[in-house]
Amino acid sequence: MTTHQQTVTICNKLGLHARAATKLAQLSQKFSADITLELNQKEANANSIMALMLLAGGKGKSVNITATGDDAELALAEICQLISDKFDEDE
């Protein structure tokens, strides 16, 4: 089983709020890989909107993303892209 990791900075104005967490969880659920986000020694399953929101990921915070499984590389790339694209939000 392959594991891929990457650290990305949250760059949207509102951070990992409800709408952003929902988009991230919906994207994560499309993959068979296990995906976790880590911020300030707290971990969250990327499939869980509530867990993602509890990370309290504000703008400028770096989050470490780990994906393990068959499609881990693709999952990690798409999640990092979503975060880099500011969750497709108009600011």
PDB file of N, CA and C in Angstrom:
ATOM      1  N   MET A   1       0.841  -1.179   0.000  1.00  0.00           N
ATOM      2  CA  MET A   1       0.000   0.000   0.000  1.00  0.00           C
ATOM      3  C   MET A   1       0.890   1.248   0.000  1.00  0.00           C
ATOM      4  N   THR A   2       0.583   2.153  -0.882  1.00  0.00           N
ATOM      5  CA  THR A   2       1.417   3.349  -0.991  1.00  0.00           C
ATOM      6  C   THR A   2       0.872   4.489  -0.154  1.00  0.00           C
ATOM      7  N   THR A   3       1.800   5.263   0.388  1.00  0.00           N
ATOM      8  CA  THR A   3       1.440   6.437   1.180  1.00  0.00           C
ATOM      9  C   THR A   3       2.106   7.658   0.568  1.00  0.00           C
ATOM     10  N   HIS A   4       1.344   8.712   0.429  1.00  0.00           N
ATOM     11  CA  HIS A   4       1.866   9.977  -0.093  1.00  0.00           C
ATOM     12  C   HIS A   4       1.515  11.071   0.898  1.00  0.00           C
ATOM     13  N   GLN A   5       2.454  12.019   1.064  1.00  0.00           N
ATOM     14  CA  GLN A   5       2.246  13.127   1.993  1.00  0.00           C
ATOM     15  C   GLN A   5       2.612  14.440   1.336  1.00  0.00           C
ATOM     16  N   GLN A   6       1.932  15.483   1.748  1.00  0.00           N
ATOM     17  CA  GLN A   6       2.269  16.822   1.272  1.00  0.00           C
ATOM     18  C   GLN A   6       1.737  17.841   2.276  1.00  0.00           C
ATOM     19  N   THR A   7       2.481  18.924   2.418  1.00  0.00           N
ATOM     20  CA  THR A   7       2.033  20.021   3.267  1.00  0.00           C
ATOM     21  C   THR A   7       1.610  21.169   2.367  1.00  0.00           C
ATOM     22  N   VAL A   8       0.450  21.731   2.676  1.00  0.00           N
ATOM     23  CA  VAL A   8      -0.091  22.823   1.872  1.00  0.00           C
ATOM     24  C   VAL A   8      -0.617  23.903   2.826  1.00  0.00           C
ATOM     25  N   THR A   9      -0.560  25.138   2.377  1.00  0.00           N
ATOM     26  CA  THR A   9      -1.017  26.262   3.194  1.00  0.00           C
ATOM     27  C   THR A   9      -2.431  26.657   2.791  1.00  0.00           C
ATOM     28  N   ILE A  10      -3.287  26.793   3.778  1.00  0.00           N
ATOM     29  CA  ILE A  10      -4.662  27.233   3.545  1.00  0.00           C
ATOM     30  C   ILE A  10      -4.608  28.717   3.177  1.00  0.00           C
ATOM     31  N   CYS A  11      -5.111  29.056   2.002  1.00  0.00           N
ATOM     32  CA  CYS A  11      -4.944  30.428   1.509  1.00  0.00           C
ATOM     33  C   CYS A  11      -6.253  31.169   1.279  1.00  0.00           C
ATOM     34  N   ASN A  12      -7.397  30.504   1.488  1.00  0.00           N
ATOM     35  CA  ASN A  12      -8.656  31.233   1.327  1.00  0.00           C
ATOM     36  C   ASN A  12      -8.950  32.054   2.579  1.00  0.00           C
ATOM     37  N   LYS A  13      -9.684  33.125   2.402  1.00  0.00           N
ATOM     38  CA  LYS A  13      -9.903  34.110   3.471  1.00  0.00           C
ATOM     39  C   LYS A  13     -10.543  33.512   4.725  1.00  0.00           C
ATOM     40  N   LEU A  14     -11.512  32.618   4.563  1.00  0.00           N
ATOM     41  CA  LEU A  14     -12.255  32.085   5.700  1.00  0.00           C
ATOM     42  C   LEU A  14     -11.664  30.791   6.270  1.00  0.00           C
ATOM     43  N   GLY A  15     -10.629  30.260   5.632  1.00  0.00           N
ATOM     44  CA  GLY A  15     -10.012  29.033   6.145  1.00  0.00           C
ATOM     45  C   GLY A  15     -10.893  27.814   5.939  1.00  0.00           C
ATOM     46  N   LEU A  16     -10.716  26.824   6.802  1.00  0.00           N
ATOM     47  CA  LEU A  16     -11.418  25.544   6.661  1.00  0.00           C
ATOM     48  C   LEU A  16     -12.768  25.635   7.370  1.00  0.00           C
ATOM     49  N   HIS A  17     -13.657  26.477   6.843  1.00  0.00           N
ATOM     50  CA  HIS A  17     -14.990  26.681   7.419  1.00  0.00           C
ATOM     51  C   HIS A  17     -15.948  25.639   6.852  1.00  0.00           C
ATOM     52  N   ALA A  18     -17.214  25.741   7.184  1.00  0.00           N
ATOM     53  CA  ALA A  18     -18.191  24.695   6.829  1.00  0.00           C
ATOM     54  C   ALA A  18     -18.241  24.382   5.338  1.00  0.00           C
ATOM     55  N   ARG A  19     -18.327  25.397   4.502  1.00  0.00           N
ATOM     56  CA  ARG A  19     -18.451  25.154   3.057  1.00  0.00           C
ATOM     57  C   ARG A  19     -17.176  24.519   2.504  1.00  0.00           C
ATOM     58  N   ALA A  20     -16.020  25.010   2.947  1.00  0.00           N
ATOM     59  CA  ALA A  20     -14.748  24.451   2.489  1.00  0.00           C
ATOM     60  C   ALA A  20     -14.575  23.016   2.976  1.00  0.00           C
ATOM     61  N   ALA A  21     -14.932  22.765   4.229  1.00  0.00           N
ATOM     62  CA  ALA A  21     -14.818  21.411   4.787  1.00  0.00           C
ATOM     63  C   ALA A  21     -15.736  20.440   4.043  1.00  0.00           C
ATOM     64  N   THR A  22     -16.915  20.918   3.667  1.00  0.00           N
ATOM     65  CA  THR A  22     -17.858  20.080   2.920  1.00  0.00           C
ATOM     66  C   THR A  22     -17.280  19.720   1.549  1.00  0.00           C
ATOM     67  N   LYS A  23     -16.732  20.705   0.861  1.00  0.00           N
ATOM     68  CA  LYS A  23     -16.125  20.439  -0.461  1.00  0.00           C
ATOM     69  C   LYS A  23     -14.976  19.443  -0.341  1.00  0.00           C
ATOM     70  N   LEU A  24     -14.142  19.638   0.679  1.00  0.00           N
ATOM     71  CA  LEU A  24     -12.996  18.752   0.864  1.00  0.00           C
ATOM     72  C   LEU A  24     -13.456  17.326   1.175  1.00  0.00           C
ATOM     73  N   ALA A  25     -14.446  17.187   2.052  1.00  0.00           N
ATOM     74  CA  ALA A  25     -14.956  15.862   2.408  1.00  0.00           C
ATOM     75  C   ALA A  25     -15.599  15.173   1.203  1.00  0.00           C
ATOM     76  N   GLN A  26     -16.371  15.932   0.417  1.00  0.00           N
ATOM     77  CA  GLN A  26     -17.010  15.341  -0.767  1.00  0.00           C
ATOM     78  C   GLN A  26     -15.962  14.859  -1.768  1.00  0.00           C
ATOM     79  N   LEU A  27     -14.897  15.630  -1.948  1.00  0.00           N
ATOM     80  CA  LEU A  27     -13.821  15.220  -2.846  1.00  0.00           C
ATOM     81  C   LEU A  27     -13.125  13.985  -2.299  1.00  0.00           C
ATOM     82  N   SER A  28     -12.828  13.981  -1.021  1.00  0.00           N
ATOM     83  CA  SER A  28     -12.132  12.866  -0.392  1.00  0.00           C
ATOM     84  C   SER A  28     -12.907  11.562  -0.526  1.00  0.00           C
ATOM     85  N   GLN A  29     -14.222  11.655  -0.431  1.00  0.00           N
ATOM     86  CA  GLN A  29     -15.062  10.457  -0.489  1.00  0.00           C
ATOM     87  C   GLN A  29     -15.081   9.806  -1.869  1.00  0.00           C
ATOM     88  N   LYS A  30     -14.582  10.490  -2.884  1.00  0.00           N
ATOM     89  CA  LYS A  30     -14.527   9.921  -4.232  1.00  0.00           C
ATOM     90  C   LYS A  30     -13.387   8.908  -4.379  1.00  0.00           C
ATOM     91  N   PHE A  31     -12.469   8.892  -3.413  1.00  0.00           N
ATOM     92  CA  PHE A  31     -11.290   8.038  -3.507  1.00  0.00           C
ATOM     93  C   PHE A  31     -11.368   6.886  -2.513  1.00  0.00           C
ATOM     94  N   SER A  32     -10.693   5.794  -2.861  1.00  0.00           N
ATOM     95  CA  SER A  32     -10.650   4.661  -1.934  1.00  0.00           C
ATOM     96  C   SER A  32      -9.537   4.838  -0.892  1.00  0.00           C
ATOM     97  N   ALA A  33      -8.620   5.759  -1.139  1.00  0.00           N
ATOM     98  CA  ALA A  33      -7.509   5.994  -0.213  1.00  0.00           C
ATOM     99  C   ALA A  33      -8.013   6.535   1.123  1.00  0.00           C
ATOM    100  N   ASP A  34      -7.281   6.201   2.189  1.00  0.00           N
ATOM    101  CA  ASP A  34      -7.531   6.800   3.501  1.00  0.00           C
ATOM    102  C   ASP A  34      -6.783   8.120   3.535  1.00  0.00           C
ATOM    103  N   ILE A  35      -7.494   9.204   3.804  1.00  0.00           N
ATOM    104  CA  ILE A  35      -6.898  10.542   3.750  1.00  0.00           C
ATOM    105  C   ILE A  35      -7.075  11.215   5.107  1.00  0.00           C
ATOM    106  N   THR A  36      -5.965  11.700   5.658  1.00  0.00           N
ATOM    107  CA  THR A  36      -6.032  12.429   6.922  1.00  0.00           C
ATOM    108  C   THR A  36      -5.340  13.776   6.774  1.00  0.00           C
ATOM    109  N   LEU A  37      -5.847  14.732   7.513  1.00  0.00           N
ATOM    110  CA  LEU A  37      -5.235  16.060   7.578  1.00  0.00           C
ATOM    111  C   LEU A  37      -4.743  16.269   9.003  1.00  0.00           C
ATOM    112  N   GLU A  38      -3.565  16.857   9.133  1.00  0.00           N
ATOM    113  CA  GLU A  38      -3.010  17.122  10.453  1.00  0.00           C
ATOM    114  C   GLU A  38      -2.656  18.598  10.559  1.00  0.00           C
ATOM    115  N   LEU A  39      -3.063  19.199  11.674  1.00  0.00           N
ATOM    116  CA  LEU A  39      -2.805  20.613  11.931  1.00  0.00           C
ATOM    117  C   LEU A  39      -2.670  20.798  13.441  1.00  0.00           C
ATOM    118  N   ASN A  40      -1.568  21.379  13.867  1.00  0.00           N
ATOM    119  CA  ASN A  40      -1.332  21.626  15.296  1.00  0.00           C
ATOM    120  C   ASN A  40      -1.506  20.369  16.151  1.00  0.00           C
ATOM    121  N   GLN A  41      -0.894  19.283  15.746  1.00  0.00           N
ATOM    122  CA  GLN A  41      -0.941  17.994  16.453  1.00  0.00           C
ATOM    123  C   GLN A  41      -2.345  17.387  16.550  1.00  0.00           C
ATOM    124  N   LYS A  42      -3.286  17.894  15.749  1.00  0.00           N
ATOM    125  CA  LYS A  42      -4.622  17.301  15.690  1.00  0.00           C
ATOM    126  C   LYS A  42      -4.792  16.669  14.321  1.00  0.00           C
ATOM    127  N   GLU A  43      -5.419  15.485  14.300  1.00  0.00           N
ATOM    128  CA  GLU A  43      -5.659  14.787  13.041  1.00  0.00           C
ATOM    129  C   GLU A  43      -7.147  14.697  12.764  1.00  0.00           C
ATOM    130  N   ALA A  44      -7.487  14.724  11.479  1.00  0.00           N
ATOM    131  CA  ALA A  44      -8.886  14.589  11.077  1.00  0.00           C
ATOM    132  C   ALA A  44      -8.982  13.701   9.849  1.00  0.00           C
ATOM    133  N   ASN A  45      -9.986  12.835   9.844  1.00  0.00           N
ATOM    134  CA  ASN A  45     -10.295  12.045   8.660  1.00  0.00           C
ATOM    135  C   ASN A  45     -10.905  12.994   7.637  1.00  0.00           C
ATOM    136  N   ALA A  46     -10.369  12.989   6.441  1.00  0.00           N
ATOM    137  CA  ALA A  46     -10.823  13.928   5.412  1.00  0.00           C
ATOM    138  C   ALA A  46     -12.257  13.677   4.964  1.00  0.00           C
ATOM    139  N   ASN A  47     -12.825  12.519   5.298  1.00  0.00           N
ATOM    140  CA  ASN A  47     -14.216  12.230   4.940  1.00  0.00           C
ATOM    141  C   ASN A  47     -15.205  12.868   5.898  1.00  0.00           C
ATOM    142  N   SER A  48     -14.734  13.372   7.032  1.00  0.00           N
ATOM    143  CA  SER A  48     -15.616  13.889   8.076  1.00  0.00           C
ATOM    144  C   SER A  48     -15.616  15.421   8.102  1.00  0.00           C
ATOM    145  N   ILE A  49     -16.742  16.012   7.742  1.00  0.00           N
ATOM    146  CA  ILE A  49     -16.857  17.473   7.733  1.00  0.00           C
ATOM    147  C   ILE A  49     -16.613  18.032   9.134  1.00  0.00           C
ATOM    148  N   MET A  50     -17.230  17.409  10.136  1.00  0.00           N
ATOM    149  CA  MET A  50     -17.080  17.907  11.507  1.00  0.00           C
ATOM    150  C   MET A  50     -15.622  17.814  11.971  1.00  0.00           C
ATOM    151  N   ALA A  51     -14.966  16.707  11.690  1.00  0.00           N
ATOM    152  CA  ALA A  51     -13.567  16.549  12.091  1.00  0.00           C
ATOM    153  C   ALA A  51     -12.693  17.600  11.419  1.00  0.00           C
ATOM    154  N   LEU A  52     -12.955  17.878  10.149  1.00  0.00           N
ATOM    155  CA  LEU A  52     -12.186  18.892   9.429  1.00  0.00           C
ATOM    156  C   LEU A  52     -12.399  20.273  10.044  1.00  0.00           C
ATOM    157  N   MET A  53     -13.622  20.588  10.400  1.00  0.00           N
ATOM    158  CA  MET A  53     -13.903  21.891  10.992  1.00  0.00           C
ATOM    159  C   MET A  53     -13.241  22.041  12.366  1.00  0.00           C
ATOM    160  N   LEU A  54     -13.158  20.940  13.101  1.00  0.00           N
ATOM    161  CA  LEU A  54     -12.541  20.986  14.427  1.00  0.00           C
ATOM    162  C   LEU A  54     -11.037  21.240  14.366  1.00  0.00           C
ATOM    163  N   LEU A  55     -10.431  21.069  13.194  1.00  0.00           N
ATOM    164  CA  LEU A  55      -9.002  21.394  13.057  1.00  0.00           C
ATOM    165  C   LEU A  55      -8.771  22.897  13.200  1.00  0.00           C
ATOM    166  N   ALA A  56      -9.805  23.681  12.979  1.00  0.00           N
ATOM    167  CA  ALA A  56      -9.716  25.144  13.061  1.00  0.00           C
ATOM    168  C   ALA A  56      -8.604  25.682  12.160  1.00  0.00           C
ATOM    169  N   GLY A  57      -8.623  25.246  10.923  1.00  0.00           N
ATOM    170  CA  GLY A  57      -7.600  25.665   9.962  1.00  0.00           C
ATOM    171  C   GLY A  57      -7.908  27.017   9.373  1.00  0.00           C
ATOM    172  N   GLY A  58      -7.266  28.038   9.901  1.00  0.00           N
ATOM    173  CA  GLY A  58      -7.469  29.390   9.409  1.00  0.00           C
ATOM    174  C   GLY A  58      -6.525  29.725   8.276  1.00  0.00           C
ATOM    175  N   LYS A  59      -6.759  30.867   7.654  1.00  0.00           N
ATOM    176  CA  LYS A  59      -5.909  31.334   6.560  1.00  0.00           C
ATOM    177  C   LYS A  59      -4.464  31.431   7.037  1.00  0.00           C
ATOM    178  N   GLY A  60      -3.547  30.920   6.200  1.00  0.00           N
ATOM    179  CA  GLY A  60      -2.126  30.972   6.514  1.00  0.00           C
ATOM    180  C   GLY A  60      -1.608  29.775   7.288  1.00  0.00           C
ATOM    181  N   LYS A  61      -2.498  28.896   7.730  1.00  0.00           N
ATOM    182  CA  LYS A  61      -2.081  27.698   8.467  1.00  0.00           C
ATOM    183  C   LYS A  61      -1.618  26.638   7.480  1.00  0.00           C
ATOM    184  N   SER A  62      -0.558  25.913   7.865  1.00  0.00           N
ATOM    185  CA  SER A  62      -0.075  24.805   7.043  1.00  0.00           C
ATOM    186  C   SER A  62      -0.685  23.513   7.550  1.00  0.00           C
ATOM    187  N   VAL A  63      -1.216  22.747   6.623  1.00  0.00           N
ATOM    188  CA  VAL A  63      -1.840  21.480   6.971  1.00  0.00           C
ATOM    189  C   VAL A  63      -1.091  20.361   6.253  1.00  0.00           C
ATOM    190  N   ASN A  64      -0.814  19.284   6.992  1.00  0.00           N
ATOM    191  CA  ASN A  64      -0.124  18.132   6.423  1.00  0.00           C
ATOM    192  C   ASN A  64      -1.182  17.113   6.001  1.00  0.00           C
ATOM    193  N   ILE A  65      -1.142  16.718   4.747  1.00  0.00           N
ATOM    194  CA  ILE A  65      -2.126  15.774   4.212  1.00  0.00           C
ATOM    195  C   ILE A  65      -1.432  14.451   3.925  1.00  0.00           C
ATOM    196  N   THR A  66      -2.033  13.364   4.400  1.00  0.00           N
ATOM    197  CA  THR A  66      -1.501  12.028   4.161  1.00  0.00           C
ATOM    198  C   THR A  66      -2.578  11.196   3.492  1.00  0.00           C
ATOM    199  N   ALA A  67      -2.221  10.533   2.399  1.00  0.00           N
ATOM    200  CA  ALA A  67      -3.149   9.653   1.692  1.00  0.00           C
ATOM    201  C   ALA A  67      -2.494   8.280   1.554  1.00  0.00           C
ATOM    202  N   THR A  68      -3.236   7.242   1.928  1.00  0.00           N
ATOM    203  CA  THR A  68      -2.730   5.874   1.867  1.00  0.00           C
ATOM    204  C   THR A  68      -3.734   5.007   1.116  1.00  0.00           C
ATOM    205  N   GLY A  69      -3.254   4.296   0.105  1.00  0.00           N
ATOM    206  CA  GLY A  69      -4.137   3.404  -0.642  1.00  0.00           C
ATOM    207  C   GLY A  69      -3.829   3.413  -2.124  1.00  0.00           C
ATOM    208  N   ASP A  70      -4.661   2.718  -2.880  1.00  0.00           N
ATOM    209  CA  ASP A  70      -4.428   2.528  -4.309  1.00  0.00           C
ATOM    210  C   ASP A  70      -4.388   3.836  -5.092  1.00  0.00           C
ATOM    211  N   ASP A  71      -5.303   4.746  -4.805  1.00  0.00           N
ATOM    212  CA  ASP A  71      -5.360   6.001  -5.557  1.00  0.00           C
ATOM    213  C   ASP A  71      -4.864   7.186  -4.719  1.00  0.00           C
ATOM    214  N   ALA A  72      -3.946   6.906  -3.796  1.00  0.00           N
ATOM    215  CA  ALA A  72      -3.451   7.922  -2.863  1.00  0.00           C
ATOM    216  C   ALA A  72      -2.806   9.105  -3.573  1.00  0.00           C
ATOM    217  N   GLU A  73      -2.008   8.822  -4.591  1.00  0.00           N
ATOM    218  CA  GLU A  73      -1.298   9.893  -5.285  1.00  0.00           C
ATOM    219  C   GLU A  73      -2.275  10.858  -5.955  1.00  0.00           C
ATOM    220  N   LEU A  74      -3.269  10.315  -6.636  1.00  0.00           N
ATOM    221  CA  LEU A  74      -4.280  11.140  -7.306  1.00  0.00           C
ATOM    222  C   LEU A  74      -5.119  11.894  -6.276  1.00  0.00           C
ATOM    223  N   ALA A  75      -5.519  11.221  -5.210  1.00  0.00           N
ATOM    224  CA  ALA A  75      -6.318  11.864  -4.156  1.00  0.00           C
ATOM    225  C   ALA A  75      -5.569  13.040  -3.556  1.00  0.00           C
ATOM    226  N   LEU A  76      -4.305  12.834  -3.247  1.00  0.00           N
ATOM    227  CA  LEU A  76      -3.492  13.894  -2.654  1.00  0.00           C
ATOM    228  C   LEU A  76      -3.368  15.080  -3.610  1.00  0.00           C
ATOM    229  N   ALA A  77      -3.130  14.799  -4.872  1.00  0.00           N
ATOM    230  CA  ALA A  77      -2.984  15.868  -5.868  1.00  0.00           C
ATOM    231  C   ALA A  77      -4.263  16.695  -5.980  1.00  0.00           C
ATOM    232  N   GLU A  78      -5.415  16.017  -6.035  1.00  0.00           N
ATOM    233  CA  GLU A  78      -6.678  16.738  -6.201  1.00  0.00           C
ATOM    234  C   GLU A  78      -7.048  17.544  -4.952  1.00  0.00           C
ATOM    235  N   ILE A  79      -6.770  17.003  -3.774  1.00  0.00           N
ATOM    236  CA  ILE A  79      -7.074  17.726  -2.533  1.00  0.00           C
ATOM    237  C   ILE A  79      -6.164  18.942  -2.397  1.00  0.00           C
ATOM    238  N   CYS A  80      -4.892  18.774  -2.690  1.00  0.00           N
ATOM    239  CA  CYS A  80      -3.969  19.913  -2.630  1.00  0.00           C
ATOM    240  C   CYS A  80      -4.384  20.995  -3.626  1.00  0.00           C
ATOM    241  N   GLN A  81      -4.852  20.582  -4.796  1.00  0.00           N
ATOM    242  CA  GLN A  81      -5.310  21.541  -5.807  1.00  0.00           C
ATOM    243  C   GLN A  81      -6.538  22.304  -5.314  1.00  0.00           C
ATOM    244  N   LEU A  82      -7.475  21.586  -4.681  1.00  0.00           N
ATOM    245  CA  LEU A  82      -8.674  22.232  -4.149  1.00  0.00           C
ATOM    246  C   LEU A  82      -8.298  23.302  -3.123  1.00  0.00           C
ATOM    247  N   ILE A  83      -7.371  22.979  -2.228  1.00  0.00           N
ATOM    248  CA  ILE A  83      -6.945  23.934  -1.208  1.00  0.00           C
ATOM    249  C   ILE A  83      -6.216  25.112  -1.860  1.00  0.00           C
ATOM    250  N   SER A  84      -5.331  24.821  -2.809  1.00  0.00           N
ATOM    251  CA  SER A  84      -4.599  25.887  -3.514  1.00  0.00           C
ATOM    252  C   SER A  84      -5.534  26.794  -4.295  1.00  0.00           C
ATOM    253  N   ASP A  85      -6.623  26.234  -4.798  1.00  0.00           N
ATOM    254  CA  ASP A  85      -7.619  27.010  -5.543  1.00  0.00           C
ATOM    255  C   ASP A  85      -8.610  27.719  -4.614  1.00  0.00           C
ATOM    256  N   LYS A  86      -8.270  27.806  -3.330  1.00  0.00           N
ATOM    257  CA  LYS A  86      -9.112  28.492  -2.328  1.00  0.00           C
ATOM    258  C   LYS A  86     -10.513  27.907  -2.269  1.00  0.00           C
ATOM    259  N   PHE A  87     -10.607  26.584  -2.449  1.00  0.00           N
ATOM    260  CA  PHE A  87     -11.894  25.860  -2.407  1.00  0.00           C
ATOM    261  C   PHE A  87     -12.876  26.418  -3.424  1.00  0.00           C
ATOM    262  N   ASP A  88     -12.360  26.978  -4.513  1.00  0.00           N
ATOM    263  CA  ASP A  88     -13.180  27.532  -5.592  1.00  0.00           C
ATOM    264  C   ASP A  88     -14.133  28.621  -5.096  1.00  0.00           C
ATOM    265  N   GLU A  89     -13.719  29.354  -4.085  1.00  0.00           N
ATOM    266  CA  GLU A  89     -14.571  30.404  -3.532  1.00  0.00           C
ATOM    267  C   GLU A  89     -14.237  31.761  -4.128  1.00  0.00           C
ATOM    268  N   ASP A  90     -15.240  32.581  -4.277  1.00  0.00           N
ATOM    269  CA  ASP A  90     -15.024  33.973  -4.658  1.00  0.00           C
ATOM    270  C   ASP A  90     -14.726  34.735  -3.383  1.00  0.00           C
ATOM    271  N   GLU A  91     -13.650  35.504  -3.407  1.00  0.00           N
ATOM    272  CA  GLU A  91     -13.291  36.188  -2.167  1.00  0.00           C
ATOM    273  C   GLU A  91     -13.619  37.647  -2.263  1.00  0.00           C
TER     274      GLU A  91
END
